[in-house]
Amino acid sequence: MTSATDRPREPVRRRSATRSVTLRDVAEQAGVSAQTVSRVLRVPEEVTAVTRARVERAIQECGYVPNLAARNLASNRSKIVATVIPSLSASIFSETLTGLSSVFSPAGYQLLLGYTDYDDQMEEDVIRSLLGRRPDGFVMTGAVHRESVVRMLRASGVPVVETWDWTADPVDLLVGFSNEDAMHAMVAHLYAAGYRTPCFVGSLLPGDHRSLRRLSGYRRAVAELWPGTEPRVVDAAPHPLTLSSGAELLDVARQSFPEADVLVFSTDVYAGGALLAASAQGLRVPEDIAITGFGDFELSGMLRPGLTTVTLPNATIGREAAHLLLDKMRGNQPERSVVDLGFTIRSRGSA
C-alpha cells in the first residue's frame, strides 16, 4: 500500500520569468495548505517531521525565497544592522565586520554596509540613507560626528553603538579605546627606548578623526617629553592608503626632517610600505631610521624586521559591540553601556 507521503510528486511547474515563486506554489508542490508552509517557516517545531521535510524539499525544488520585507513589516523588525565604516581597504575593519557577523548571523541579523571614505558629509548622507531602510540597530566607526548626525541618530530611536574610538559623550553605546592615549603611549615607549627626534606621519584630513586623535596624542607626548620642541609632522592626506604610499612618505619625511631618528606612522599600511622601501634602499632599520605603525595588521609581524606597532582588539571590538547592540535591540538594557578594550604596544625589531 502506498502512503500519501510516498506518492510521486508532479514535476515542478514552469513559471513565467516575470512572476516570482509564491508560498502557494510551494504548498501545491508539497501537497499541503499554504498555512502549513507558513508554519514550517515561522514555527517549524509545531509541524511534524514528515510534513516539515516535504515542505522543505518543495521549497528547494521551487527555489522559493520568503518575503522577509513583508514579514518584517508585520513584526516591525527589519533584522538588519546598519554598519558604517570609513575604508574598504583596511583589514582591521574587515576583522571587526567578521566579529560583528559572528554574533549577528546566528541571531538572524544581516549587516547592511555603508562606506564614508573619511568624509563627514558622506557619513551624514550614508546614515540618512541607511535610516530610510529602517535598520534595527547601528554600528558606527568612530565617535566624532556632525551634530546633525548625532541628532538624527538619537531622534530615530534606533540603538547605536560607536566603535574604534573613545568619547565622554557617546550617542548611545560605546566599545573601543582611546586613539590619543594609544599614540601617547607609543611615543613614551620610544622615549624610554632612547629615541629623541620623532616625526609623526599620518593623514590630517578633517574627516579622518582617528588619525587626528593619534596626532593629538603624539603632540601631547612631545610637549611632555621635549618641552618647547616643535612637533615634527608630515601630512599623509595627499597619499592613498596603500603600501606604495608608505614608500613615498618615507622619502618625504626624511627629506623634510633629516634629523628624525624614528618615523611614527598613524597606520601600519603606511609604516609597512616605508619599512619595505627602507630595506630596498639599503637603509638599516632601526639603526639608520626606526619605524613604528598603528593597528598591528597581519603583515606587520611578518616583515623583517618586524614592525613595532600598537595592537588593537580588532575582532573583539566587533563581537563586544554586537553583544551590546543585540541586547538592546531585544529590549534589554546592557549591564554596561561603554566598554574600554584598551590597546597594547607591540615591540618588534623596527624600533
C-alpha atoms as a PDB file:
ATOM      1  CA  MET A   1       0.000   0.000   0.000  1.00  0.00           C
ATOM      2  CA  THR A   2       1.334   3.398  -0.969  1.00  0.00           C
ATOM      3  CA  SER A   3       1.022   6.187   1.619  1.00  0.00           C
ATOM      4  CA  ALA A   4       0.345   9.830   0.763  1.00  0.00           C
ATOM      5  CA  THR A   5       3.932  10.704   1.618  1.00  0.00           C
ATOM      6  CA  ASP A   6       5.272   8.083  -0.802  1.00  0.00           C
ATOM      7  CA  ARG A   7       3.269   9.176  -3.831  1.00  0.00           C
ATOM      8  CA  PRO A   8       5.426  10.616  -6.596  1.00  0.00           C
ATOM      9  CA  ARG A   9       5.086  14.374  -6.826  1.00  0.00           C
ATOM     10  CA  GLU A  10       4.293  16.181 -10.010  1.00  0.00           C
ATOM     11  CA  PRO A  11       7.352  17.810 -11.581  1.00  0.00           C
ATOM     12  CA  VAL A  12       7.943  21.441 -10.660  1.00  0.00           C
ATOM     13  CA  ARG A  13       5.825  23.624 -12.916  1.00  0.00           C
ATOM     14  CA  ARG A  14       7.467  26.099 -15.195  1.00  0.00           C
ATOM     15  CA  ARG A  15       6.623  29.610 -14.193  1.00  0.00           C
ATOM     16  CA  SER A  16       6.746  32.857 -16.038  1.00  0.00           C
ATOM     17  CA  ALA A  17      10.066  34.624 -15.753  1.00  0.00           C
ATOM     18  CA  THR A  18       8.142  37.717 -14.707  1.00  0.00           C
ATOM     19  CA  ARG A  19       6.419  36.036 -11.734  1.00  0.00           C
ATOM     20  CA  SER A  20       8.251  35.013  -8.589  1.00  0.00           C
ATOM     21  CA  VAL A  21       7.516  31.748  -6.814  1.00  0.00           C
ATOM     22  CA  THR A  22       4.910  32.219  -4.086  1.00  0.00           C
ATOM     23  CA  LEU A  23       4.108  30.454  -0.854  1.00  0.00           C
ATOM     24  CA  ARG A  24       1.000  28.996  -2.558  1.00  0.00           C
ATOM     25  CA  ASP A  25       3.238  27.466  -5.252  1.00  0.00           C
ATOM     26  CA  VAL A  26       5.259  25.730  -2.537  1.00  0.00           C
ATOM     27  CA  ALA A  27       2.075  24.481  -0.898  1.00  0.00           C
ATOM     28  CA  GLU A  28       0.881  22.965  -4.196  1.00  0.00           C
ATOM     29  CA  GLN A  29       4.259  21.343  -4.790  1.00  0.00           C
ATOM     30  CA  ALA A  30       4.291  19.831  -1.268  1.00  0.00           C
ATOM     31  CA  GLY A  31       0.621  18.860  -1.314  1.00  0.00           C
ATOM     32  CA  VAL A  32      -0.192  20.824   1.821  1.00  0.00           C
ATOM     33  CA  SER A  33      -2.008  24.025   2.674  1.00  0.00           C
ATOM     34  CA  ALA A  34      -0.432  27.464   2.477  1.00  0.00           C
ATOM     35  CA  GLN A  35      -0.953  27.748   6.249  1.00  0.00           C
ATOM     36  CA  THR A  36       1.179  24.632   6.777  1.00  0.00           C
ATOM     37  CA  VAL A  37       4.006  26.108   4.691  1.00  0.00           C
ATOM     38  CA  SER A  38       3.751  29.298   6.723  1.00  0.00           C
ATOM     39  CA  ARG A  39       4.013  27.341   9.993  1.00  0.00           C
ATOM     40  CA  VAL A  40       7.093  25.484   8.726  1.00  0.00           C
ATOM     41  CA  LEU A  41       8.745  28.832   8.006  1.00  0.00           C
ATOM     42  CA  ARG A  42       7.685  30.549  11.225  1.00  0.00           C
ATOM     43  CA  VAL A  43       7.391  27.817  13.877  1.00  0.00           C
ATOM     44  CA  PRO A  44       8.880  24.602  12.428  1.00  0.00           C
ATOM     45  CA  GLU A  45       8.780  22.873  15.816  1.00  0.00           C
ATOM     46  CA  GLU A  46       4.974  22.866  15.631  1.00  0.00           C
ATOM     47  CA  VAL A  47       4.954  20.765  12.414  1.00  0.00           C
ATOM     48  CA  THR A  48       5.598  17.018  12.228  1.00  0.00           C
ATOM     49  CA  ALA A  49       8.991  15.942  10.930  1.00  0.00           C
ATOM     50  CA  VAL A  50       7.490  14.204   7.884  1.00  0.00           C
ATOM     51  CA  THR A  51       5.440  17.209   6.806  1.00  0.00           C
ATOM     52  CA  ARG A  52       8.300  19.587   7.538  1.00  0.00           C
ATOM     53  CA  ALA A  53      10.618  17.536   5.307  1.00  0.00           C
ATOM     54  CA  ARG A  54       8.089  17.603   2.461  1.00  0.00           C
ATOM     55  CA  VAL A  55       7.711  21.375   2.686  1.00  0.00           C
ATOM     56  CA  GLU A  56      11.446  21.976   2.920  1.00  0.00           C
ATOM     57  CA  ARG A  57      12.013  19.756  -0.124  1.00  0.00           C
ATOM     58  CA  ALA A  58       9.340  21.689  -2.047  1.00  0.00           C
ATOM     59  CA  ILE A  59      10.994  24.988  -1.084  1.00  0.00           C
ATOM     60  CA  GLN A  60      14.277  23.737  -2.546  1.00  0.00           C
ATOM     61  CA  GLU A  61      12.649  22.397  -5.707  1.00  0.00           C
ATOM     62  CA  CYS A  62      10.685  25.588  -6.341  1.00  0.00           C
ATOM     63  CA  GLY A  63      13.559  27.935  -5.457  1.00  0.00           C
ATOM     64  CA  TYR A  64      11.253  29.794  -3.088  1.00  0.00           C
ATOM     65  CA  VAL A  65      12.626  32.722  -1.059  1.00  0.00           C
ATOM     66  CA  PRO A  66      10.388  34.030   1.767  1.00  0.00           C
ATOM     67  CA  ASN A  67       9.344  37.673   1.546  1.00  0.00           C
ATOM     68  CA  LEU A  68      11.212  38.936   4.583  1.00  0.00           C
ATOM     69  CA  ALA A  69      10.210  42.535   3.887  1.00  0.00           C
ATOM     70  CA  ALA A  70       6.538  41.698   4.336  1.00  0.00           C
ATOM     71  CA  ARG A  71       7.211  39.556   7.404  1.00  0.00           C
ATOM     72  CA  ASN A  72       9.430  42.202   8.981  1.00  0.00           C
ATOM     73  CA  LEU A  73       6.853  44.888   8.241  1.00  0.00           C
ATOM     74  CA  ALA A  74       4.285  42.915  10.191  1.00  0.00           C
ATOM     75  CA  SER A  75       6.669  42.416  13.115  1.00  0.00           C
ATOM     76  CA  ASN A  76       8.132  45.959  12.927  1.00  0.00           C
ATOM     77  CA  ARG A  77      11.601  44.399  12.717  1.00  0.00           C
ATOM     78  CA  SER A  78      13.917  44.576   9.698  1.00  0.00           C
ATOM     79  CA  LYS A  79      16.537  42.120  11.080  1.00  0.00           C
ATOM     80  CA  ILE A  80      19.134  44.471   9.566  1.00  0.00           C
ATOM     81  CA  VAL A  81      22.021  46.149  11.388  1.00  0.00           C
ATOM     82  CA  ALA A  82      23.433  49.160   9.541  1.00  0.00           C
ATOM     83  CA  THR A  83      27.224  49.354   9.749  1.00  0.00           C
ATOM     84  CA  VAL A  84      29.252  52.426   8.784  1.00  0.00           C
ATOM     85  CA  ILE A  85      32.994  52.126   8.091  1.00  0.00           C
ATOM     86  CA  PRO A  86      35.447  54.654   6.626  1.00  0.00           C
ATOM     87  CA  SER A  87      37.518  52.326   4.426  1.00  0.00           C
ATOM     88  CA  LEU A  88      37.050  49.094   2.499  1.00  0.00           C
ATOM     89  CA  SER A  89      40.796  48.505   2.092  1.00  0.00           C
ATOM     90  CA  ALA A  90      41.936  48.269   5.724  1.00  0.00           C
ATOM     91  CA  SER A  91      41.994  44.716   7.089  1.00  0.00           C
ATOM     92  CA  ILE A  92      41.353  45.911  10.630  1.00  0.00           C
ATOM     93  CA  PHE A  93      37.807  46.893   9.677  1.00  0.00           C
ATOM     94  CA  SER A  94      37.215  43.561   7.947  1.00  0.00           C
ATOM     95  CA  GLU A  95      38.200  41.828  11.192  1.00  0.00           C
ATOM     96  CA  THR A  96      35.682  43.959  13.063  1.00  0.00           C
ATOM     97  CA  LEU A  97      32.998  43.080  10.495  1.00  0.00           C
ATOM     98  CA  THR A  98      33.820  39.413  10.969  1.00  0.00           C
ATOM     99  CA  GLY A  99      33.397  39.835  14.732  1.00  0.00           C
ATOM    100  CA  LEU A 100      30.037  41.537  14.217  1.00  0.00           C
ATOM    101  CA  SER A 101      28.809  38.813  11.865  1.00  0.00           C
ATOM    102  CA  SER A 102      29.858  36.032  14.249  1.00  0.00           C
ATOM    103  CA  VAL A 103      27.273  37.332  16.736  1.00  0.00           C
ATOM    104  CA  PHE A 104      24.570  38.802  14.494  1.00  0.00           C
ATOM    105  CA  SER A 105      24.270  35.984  11.930  1.00  0.00           C
ATOM    106  CA  PRO A 106      23.292  33.236  14.425  1.00  0.00           C
ATOM    107  CA  ALA A 107      20.709  35.663  15.841  1.00  0.00           C
ATOM    108  CA  GLY A 108      19.154  36.128  12.385  1.00  0.00           C
ATOM    109  CA  TYR A 109      20.512  39.603  11.655  1.00  0.00           C
ATOM    110  CA  GLN A 110      22.329  40.711   8.493  1.00  0.00           C
ATOM    111  CA  LEU A 111      24.756  43.618   8.102  1.00  0.00           C
ATOM    112  CA  LEU A 112      23.975  46.467   5.699  1.00  0.00           C
ATOM    113  CA  LEU A 113      27.245  48.249   4.946  1.00  0.00           C
ATOM    114  CA  GLY A 114      27.797  51.969   4.428  1.00  0.00           C
ATOM    115  CA  TYR A 115      31.153  53.474   3.374  1.00  0.00           C
ATOM    116  CA  THR A 116      32.273  57.080   4.062  1.00  0.00           C
ATOM    117  CA  ASP A 117      35.863  57.419   2.767  1.00  0.00           C
ATOM    118  CA  TYR A 118      36.669  59.601   5.811  1.00  0.00           C
ATOM    119  CA  ASP A 119      34.246  62.283   4.598  1.00  0.00           C
ATOM    120  CA  ASP A 120      31.861  63.854   7.136  1.00  0.00           C
ATOM    121  CA  GLN A 121      29.301  64.883   4.522  1.00  0.00           C
ATOM    122  CA  MET A 122      29.342  61.394   3.033  1.00  0.00           C
ATOM    123  CA  GLU A 123      28.851  59.937   6.511  1.00  0.00           C
ATOM    124  CA  GLU A 124      25.763  62.083   7.026  1.00  0.00           C
ATOM    125  CA  ASP A 125      24.358  61.124   3.619  1.00  0.00           C
ATOM    126  CA  VAL A 126      25.038  57.421   4.200  1.00  0.00           C
ATOM    127  CA  ILE A 127      23.425  57.441   7.650  1.00  0.00           C
ATOM    128  CA  ARG A 128      20.320  59.214   6.348  1.00  0.00           C
ATOM    129  CA  SER A 129      20.038  56.660   3.552  1.00  0.00           C
ATOM    130  CA  LEU A 130      20.529  53.703   5.891  1.00  0.00           C
ATOM    131  CA  LEU A 131      17.965  55.021   8.375  1.00  0.00           C
ATOM    132  CA  GLY A 132      15.490  55.032   5.490  1.00  0.00           C
ATOM    133  CA  ARG A 133      15.883  51.233   5.369  1.00  0.00           C
ATOM    134  CA  ARG A 134      14.658  51.073   8.993  1.00  0.00           C
ATOM    135  CA  PRO A 135      17.522  49.064  10.496  1.00  0.00           C
ATOM    136  CA  ASP A 136      17.082  47.571  13.950  1.00  0.00           C
ATOM    137  CA  GLY A 137      20.497  48.859  15.049  1.00  0.00           C
ATOM    138  CA  PHE A 138      23.511  50.939  14.010  1.00  0.00           C
ATOM    139  CA  VAL A 139      27.240  50.217  14.339  1.00  0.00           C
ATOM    140  CA  MET A 140      29.350  53.345  13.837  1.00  0.00           C
ATOM    141  CA  THR A 141      33.105  53.557  13.294  1.00  0.00           C
ATOM    142  CA  GLY A 142      34.466  56.444  15.322  1.00  0.00           C
ATOM    143  CA  ALA A 143      32.996  58.695  17.982  1.00  0.00           C
ATOM    144  CA  VAL A 144      33.266  62.093  16.290  1.00  0.00           C
ATOM    145  CA  HIS A 145      30.275  63.074  14.159  1.00  0.00           C
ATOM    146  CA  ARG A 146      28.496  66.185  12.983  1.00  0.00           C
ATOM    147  CA  GLU A 147      25.903  67.480  15.428  1.00  0.00           C
ATOM    148  CA  SER A 148      23.273  66.939  12.739  1.00  0.00           C
ATOM    149  CA  VAL A 149      24.267  63.251  12.589  1.00  0.00           C
ATOM    150  CA  VAL A 150      24.017  62.860  16.369  1.00  0.00           C
ATOM    151  CA  ARG A 151      20.568  64.498  16.372  1.00  0.00           C
ATOM    152  CA  MET A 152      19.426  62.273  13.518  1.00  0.00           C
ATOM    153  CA  LEU A 153      20.589  59.076  15.215  1.00  0.00           C
ATOM    154  CA  ARG A 154      19.114  59.950  18.600  1.00  0.00           C
ATOM    155  CA  ALA A 155      15.817  61.069  17.069  1.00  0.00           C
ATOM    156  CA  SER A 156      15.494  57.762  15.198  1.00  0.00           C
ATOM    157  CA  GLY A 157      15.207  55.779  18.432  1.00  0.00           C
ATOM    158  CA  VAL A 158      17.416  53.077  16.875  1.00  0.00           C
ATOM    159  CA  PRO A 159      20.059  51.606  19.243  1.00  0.00           C
ATOM    160  CA  VAL A 160      23.545  52.787  18.258  1.00  0.00           C
ATOM    161  CA  VAL A 161      26.991  51.529  19.209  1.00  0.00           C
ATOM    162  CA  GLU A 162      30.091  53.580  18.380  1.00  0.00           C
ATOM    163  CA  THR A 163      33.422  51.778  17.960  1.00  0.00           C
ATOM    164  CA  TRP A 164      37.115  52.334  17.286  1.00  0.00           C
ATOM    165  CA  ASP A 165      37.446  55.444  19.441  1.00  0.00           C
ATOM    166  CA  TRP A 166      36.536  56.914  22.804  1.00  0.00           C
ATOM    167  CA  THR A 167      34.382  59.805  23.995  1.00  0.00           C
ATOM    168  CA  ALA A 168      32.840  61.045  27.216  1.00  0.00           C
ATOM    169  CA  ASP A 169      29.522  61.660  25.440  1.00  0.00           C
ATOM    170  CA  PRO A 170      28.570  58.674  23.264  1.00  0.00           C
ATOM    171  CA  VAL A 171      25.435  58.724  21.131  1.00  0.00           C
ATOM    172  CA  ASP A 172      24.241  55.585  22.919  1.00  0.00           C
ATOM    173  CA  LEU A 173      26.584  52.603  23.418  1.00  0.00           C
ATOM    174  CA  LEU A 174      30.377  52.650  23.049  1.00  0.00           C
ATOM    175  CA  VAL A 175      33.008  49.923  22.526  1.00  0.00           C
ATOM    176  CA  GLY A 176      36.549  50.999  21.777  1.00  0.00           C
ATOM    177  CA  PHE A 177      39.740  52.546  23.070  1.00  0.00           C
ATOM    178  CA  SER A 178      41.457  55.930  23.149  1.00  0.00           C
ATOM    179  CA  ASN A 179      43.414  56.613  19.943  1.00  0.00           C
ATOM    180  CA  GLU A 180      45.012  59.605  21.629  1.00  0.00           C
ATOM    181  CA  ASP A 181      46.204  57.625  24.659  1.00  0.00           C
ATOM    182  CA  ALA A 182      47.478  54.814  22.437  1.00  0.00           C
ATOM    183  CA  MET A 183      49.715  57.149  20.408  1.00  0.00           C
ATOM    184  CA  HIS A 184      50.849  58.922  23.575  1.00  0.00           C
ATOM    185  CA  ALA A 185      51.882  55.532  24.957  1.00  0.00           C
ATOM    186  CA  MET A 186      53.791  54.720  21.750  1.00  0.00           C
ATOM    187  CA  VAL A 187      55.828  57.935  21.924  1.00  0.00           C
ATOM    188  CA  ALA A 188      56.540  57.344  25.619  1.00  0.00           C
ATOM    189  CA  HIS A 189      57.718  53.839  24.702  1.00  0.00           C
ATOM    190  CA  LEU A 190      60.078  55.279  22.072  1.00  0.00           C
ATOM    191  CA  TYR A 191      61.434  57.836  24.539  1.00  0.00           C
ATOM    192  CA  ALA A 192      62.188  55.078  27.029  1.00  0.00           C
ATOM    193  CA  ALA A 193      63.987  53.194  24.219  1.00  0.00           C
ATOM    194  CA  GLY A 194      66.297  56.182  23.649  1.00  0.00           C
ATOM    195  CA  TYR A 195      64.752  57.920  20.627  1.00  0.00           C
ATOM    196  CA  ARG A 196      64.843  61.708  20.775  1.00  0.00           C
ATOM    197  CA  THR A 197      63.703  63.162  17.416  1.00  0.00           C
ATOM    198  CA  PRO A 198      60.399  61.520  16.416  1.00  0.00           C
ATOM    199  CA  CYS A 199      58.361  62.507  13.369  1.00  0.00           C
ATOM    200  CA  PHE A 200      54.628  61.802  13.055  1.00  0.00           C
ATOM    201  CA  VAL A 201      53.405  60.701   9.611  1.00  0.00           C
ATOM    202  CA  GLY A 202      49.637  60.468   9.182  1.00  0.00           C
ATOM    203  CA  SER A 203      46.527  61.799   7.492  1.00  0.00           C
ATOM    204  CA  LEU A 204      45.380  65.260   8.516  1.00  0.00           C
ATOM    205  CA  LEU A 205      42.115  65.011   6.573  1.00  0.00           C
ATOM    206  CA  PRO A 206      39.331  66.784   8.518  1.00  0.00           C
ATOM    207  CA  GLY A 207      37.196  63.633   8.386  1.00  0.00           C
ATOM    208  CA  ASP A 208      39.917  61.200   9.488  1.00  0.00           C
ATOM    209  CA  HIS A 209      39.176  61.769  13.155  1.00  0.00           C
ATOM    210  CA  ARG A 210      41.066  58.715  14.427  1.00  0.00           C
ATOM    211  CA  SER A 211      44.294  59.829  12.732  1.00  0.00           C
ATOM    212  CA  LEU A 212      43.795  63.346  14.096  1.00  0.00           C
ATOM    213  CA  ARG A 213      43.370  61.969  17.619  1.00  0.00           C
ATOM    214  CA  ARG A 214      46.553  59.957  17.191  1.00  0.00           C
ATOM    215  CA  LEU A 215      48.264  63.191  16.154  1.00  0.00           C
ATOM    216  CA  SER A 216      46.870  64.819  19.304  1.00  0.00           C
ATOM    217  CA  GLY A 217      48.385  62.045  21.418  1.00  0.00           C
ATOM    218  CA  TYR A 218      51.715  62.489  19.655  1.00  0.00           C
ATOM    219  CA  ARG A 219      51.680  66.269  20.214  1.00  0.00           C
ATOM    220  CA  ARG A 220      50.798  65.797  23.890  1.00  0.00           C
ATOM    221  CA  ALA A 221      53.684  63.375  24.392  1.00  0.00           C
ATOM    222  CA  VAL A 222      56.157  65.659  22.627  1.00  0.00           C
ATOM    223  CA  ALA A 223      55.068  68.589  24.814  1.00  0.00           C
ATOM    224  CA  GLU A 224      55.579  66.498  27.949  1.00  0.00           C
ATOM    225  CA  LEU A 225      58.844  64.776  26.992  1.00  0.00           C
ATOM    226  CA  TRP A 226      60.531  67.537  24.965  1.00  0.00           C
ATOM    227  CA  PRO A 227      59.105  70.830  26.322  1.00  0.00           C
ATOM    228  CA  GLY A 228      59.434  73.722  23.890  1.00  0.00           C
ATOM    229  CA  THR A 229      60.129  71.449  20.912  1.00  0.00           C
ATOM    230  CA  GLU A 230      58.100  71.969  17.744  1.00  0.00           C
ATOM    231  CA  PRO A 231      56.489  68.622  16.834  1.00  0.00           C
ATOM    232  CA  ARG A 232      57.658  67.159  13.508  1.00  0.00           C
ATOM    233  CA  VAL A 233      54.608  66.284  11.395  1.00  0.00           C
ATOM    234  CA  VAL A 234      54.177  65.045   7.818  1.00  0.00           C
ATOM    235  CA  ASP A 235      50.676  65.135   6.340  1.00  0.00           C
ATOM    236  CA  ALA A 236      49.940  61.876   4.527  1.00  0.00           C
ATOM    237  CA  ALA A 237      46.496  63.012   3.325  1.00  0.00           C
ATOM    238  CA  PRO A 238      47.520  63.537  -0.338  1.00  0.00           C
ATOM    239  CA  HIS A 239      48.592  59.888  -0.483  1.00  0.00           C
ATOM    240  CA  PRO A 240      46.114  56.988  -0.769  1.00  0.00           C
ATOM    241  CA  LEU A 241      46.112  54.387   1.994  1.00  0.00           C
ATOM    242  CA  THR A 242      48.484  51.910   0.292  1.00  0.00           C
ATOM    243  CA  LEU A 243      51.872  50.306   0.892  1.00  0.00           C
ATOM    244  CA  SER A 244      53.327  52.204  -2.074  1.00  0.00           C
ATOM    245  CA  SER A 245      52.279  55.460  -0.408  1.00  0.00           C
ATOM    246  CA  GLY A 246      54.298  54.407   2.623  1.00  0.00           C
ATOM    247  CA  ALA A 247      57.383  54.174   0.415  1.00  0.00           C
ATOM    248  CA  GLU A 248      56.763  57.694  -0.868  1.00  0.00           C
ATOM    249  CA  LEU A 249      56.143  59.029   2.629  1.00  0.00           C
ATOM    250  CA  LEU A 250      59.447  57.568   3.821  1.00  0.00           C
ATOM    251  CA  ASP A 251      61.224  59.815   1.322  1.00  0.00           C
ATOM    252  CA  VAL A 252      59.041  62.848   2.140  1.00  0.00           C
ATOM    253  CA  ALA A 253      59.645  62.501   5.883  1.00  0.00           C
ATOM    254  CA  ARG A 254      63.413  62.017   5.571  1.00  0.00           C
ATOM    255  CA  GLN A 255      63.704  64.994   3.238  1.00  0.00           C
ATOM    256  CA  SER A 256      61.521  67.208   5.447  1.00  0.00           C
ATOM    257  CA  PHE A 257      63.133  66.144   8.746  1.00  0.00           C
ATOM    258  CA  PRO A 258      66.532  64.558   8.051  1.00  0.00           C
ATOM    259  CA  GLU A 259      67.329  64.697  11.780  1.00  0.00           C
ATOM    260  CA  ALA A 260      64.398  62.398  12.684  1.00  0.00           C
ATOM    261  CA  ASP A 261      65.527  59.121  14.267  1.00  0.00           C
ATOM    262  CA  VAL A 262      62.084  57.448  14.263  1.00  0.00           C
ATOM    263  CA  LEU A 263      59.062  57.800  11.973  1.00  0.00           C
ATOM    264  CA  VAL A 264      55.815  57.354  13.904  1.00  0.00           C
ATOM    265  CA  PHE A 265      53.152  56.357  11.362  1.00  0.00           C
ATOM    266  CA  SER A 266      49.437  56.627  12.125  1.00  0.00           C
ATOM    267  CA  THR A 267      48.728  53.281  10.436  1.00  0.00           C
ATOM    268  CA  ASP A 268      50.514  50.021   9.676  1.00  0.00           C
ATOM    269  CA  VAL A 269      49.665  50.404   5.982  1.00  0.00           C
ATOM    270  CA  TYR A 270      51.988  53.376   5.561  1.00  0.00           C
ATOM    271  CA  ALA A 271      54.509  52.012   8.058  1.00  0.00           C
ATOM    272  CA  GLY A 272      54.718  48.633   6.311  1.00  0.00           C
ATOM    273  CA  GLY A 273      55.326  50.285   2.949  1.00  0.00           C
ATOM    274  CA  ALA A 274      58.011  52.518   4.461  1.00  0.00           C
ATOM    275  CA  LEU A 275      59.730  49.525   6.063  1.00  0.00           C
ATOM    276  CA  LEU A 276      59.810  47.610   2.780  1.00  0.00           C
ATOM    277  CA  ALA A 277      61.110  50.681   0.931  1.00  0.00           C
ATOM    278  CA  ALA A 278      63.817  51.284   3.530  1.00  0.00           C
ATOM    279  CA  SER A 279      65.114  47.758   3.022  1.00  0.00           C
ATOM    280  CA  ALA A 280      65.077  48.204  -0.771  1.00  0.00           C
ATOM    281  CA  GLN A 281      67.075  51.440  -0.399  1.00  0.00           C
ATOM    282  CA  GLY A 282      69.696  49.745   1.754  1.00  0.00           C
ATOM    283  CA  LEU A 283      68.721  51.640   4.893  1.00  0.00           C
ATOM    284  CA  ARG A 284      69.268  49.820   8.164  1.00  0.00           C
ATOM    285  CA  VAL A 285      66.181  49.660  10.378  1.00  0.00           C
ATOM    286  CA  PRO A 286      66.286  50.714  13.171  1.00  0.00           C
ATOM    287  CA  GLU A 287      69.938  51.885  13.040  1.00  0.00           C
ATOM    288  CA  ASP A 288      69.560  54.433  10.226  1.00  0.00           C
ATOM    289  CA  ILE A 289      65.874  55.124  10.793  1.00  0.00           C
ATOM    290  CA  ALA A 290      63.357  53.490  13.110  1.00  0.00           C
ATOM    291  CA  ILE A 291      59.748  52.963  12.050  1.00  0.00           C
ATOM    292  CA  THR A 292      56.534  52.322  14.015  1.00  0.00           C
ATOM    293  CA  GLY A 293      52.933  51.727  12.994  1.00  0.00           C
ATOM    294  CA  PHE A 294      49.434  51.587  14.428  1.00  0.00           C
ATOM    295  CA  GLY A 295      46.985  48.696  14.137  1.00  0.00           C
ATOM    296  CA  ASP A 296      49.139  45.538  14.083  1.00  0.00           C
ATOM    297  CA  PHE A 297      47.966  44.182  10.728  1.00  0.00           C
ATOM    298  CA  GLU A 298      48.705  40.566   9.826  1.00  0.00           C
ATOM    299  CA  LEU A 299      51.618  41.659   7.618  1.00  0.00           C
ATOM    300  CA  SER A 300      53.255  43.656  10.414  1.00  0.00           C
ATOM    301  CA  GLY A 301      54.635  40.626  12.249  1.00  0.00           C
ATOM    302  CA  MET A 302      55.857  39.017   9.021  1.00  0.00           C
ATOM    303  CA  LEU A 303      58.044  41.927   7.908  1.00  0.00           C
ATOM    304  CA  ARG A 304      61.790  41.838   8.521  1.00  0.00           C
ATOM    305  CA  PRO A 305      62.430  43.402  10.891  1.00  0.00           C
ATOM    306  CA  GLY A 306      59.008  43.046  12.441  1.00  0.00           C
ATOM    307  CA  LEU A 307      57.050  46.271  12.825  1.00  0.00           C
ATOM    308  CA  THR A 308      56.759  47.851  16.260  1.00  0.00           C
ATOM    309  CA  THR A 309      53.145  48.969  16.497  1.00  0.00           C
ATOM    310  CA  VAL A 310      50.000  49.442  18.568  1.00  0.00           C
ATOM    311  CA  THR A 311      47.986  46.229  18.819  1.00  0.00           C
ATOM    312  CA  LEU A 312      44.232  46.742  18.816  1.00  0.00           C
ATOM    313  CA  PRO A 313      41.406  44.295  19.642  1.00  0.00           C
ATOM    314  CA  ASN A 314      40.041  44.373  16.074  1.00  0.00           C
ATOM    315  CA  ALA A 315      37.758  41.318  16.129  1.00  0.00           C
ATOM    316  CA  THR A 316      36.899  41.732  19.819  1.00  0.00           C
ATOM    317  CA  ILE A 317      35.559  45.212  19.098  1.00  0.00           C
ATOM    318  CA  GLY A 318      33.082  43.668  16.666  1.00  0.00           C
ATOM    319  CA  ARG A 319      31.968  40.888  18.996  1.00  0.00           C
ATOM    320  CA  GLU A 320      31.570  43.138  22.049  1.00  0.00           C
ATOM    321  CA  ALA A 321      29.721  45.784  20.042  1.00  0.00           C
ATOM    322  CA  ALA A 322      27.386  43.146  18.607  1.00  0.00           C
ATOM    323  CA  HIS A 323      26.579  41.688  22.033  1.00  0.00           C
ATOM    324  CA  LEU A 324      25.744  45.116  23.474  1.00  0.00           C
ATOM    325  CA  LEU A 325      23.645  46.105  20.484  1.00  0.00           C
ATOM    326  CA  LEU A 326      21.853  42.753  20.287  1.00  0.00           C
ATOM    327  CA  ASP A 327      20.904  43.033  23.947  1.00  0.00           C
ATOM    328  CA  LYS A 328      19.433  46.486  23.440  1.00  0.00           C
ATOM    329  CA  MET A 329      17.652  45.557  20.188  1.00  0.00           C
ATOM    330  CA  ARG A 330      15.904  42.814  22.172  1.00  0.00           C
ATOM    331  CA  GLY A 331      14.568  45.415  24.564  1.00  0.00           C
ATOM    332  CA  ASN A 332      17.073  44.872  27.364  1.00  0.00           C
ATOM    333  CA  GLN A 333      19.382  47.416  28.946  1.00  0.00           C
ATOM    334  CA  PRO A 334      23.004  46.147  28.803  1.00  0.00           C
ATOM    335  CA  GLU A 335      24.829  45.956  32.127  1.00  0.00           C
ATOM    336  CA  ARG A 336      27.493  48.247  30.654  1.00  0.00           C
ATOM    337  CA  SER A 337      26.834  50.899  28.039  1.00  0.00           C
ATOM    338  CA  VAL A 338      30.547  51.642  27.472  1.00  0.00           C
ATOM    339  CA  VAL A 339      33.402  49.139  27.173  1.00  0.00           C
ATOM    340  CA  ASP A 340      37.056  50.218  27.013  1.00  0.00           C
ATOM    341  CA  LEU A 341      39.022  47.377  25.406  1.00  0.00           C
ATOM    342  CA  GLY A 342      42.364  49.166  25.631  1.00  0.00           C
ATOM    343  CA  PHE A 343      45.477  48.618  23.488  1.00  0.00           C
ATOM    344  CA  THR A 344      48.975  47.119  23.678  1.00  0.00           C
ATOM    345  CA  ILE A 345      52.348  48.390  22.484  1.00  0.00           C
ATOM    346  CA  ARG A 346      53.860  45.531  20.445  1.00  0.00           C
ATOM    347  CA  SER A 347      57.637  45.951  20.385  1.00  0.00           C
ATOM    348  CA  ARG A 348      59.412  44.312  17.436  1.00  0.00           C
ATOM    349  CA  GLY A 349      62.660  44.928  15.609  1.00  0.00           C
ATOM    350  CA  SER A 350      61.782  48.106  13.676  1.00  0.00           C
ATOM    351  CA  ALA A 351      62.137  50.390  16.728  1.00  0.00           C
END
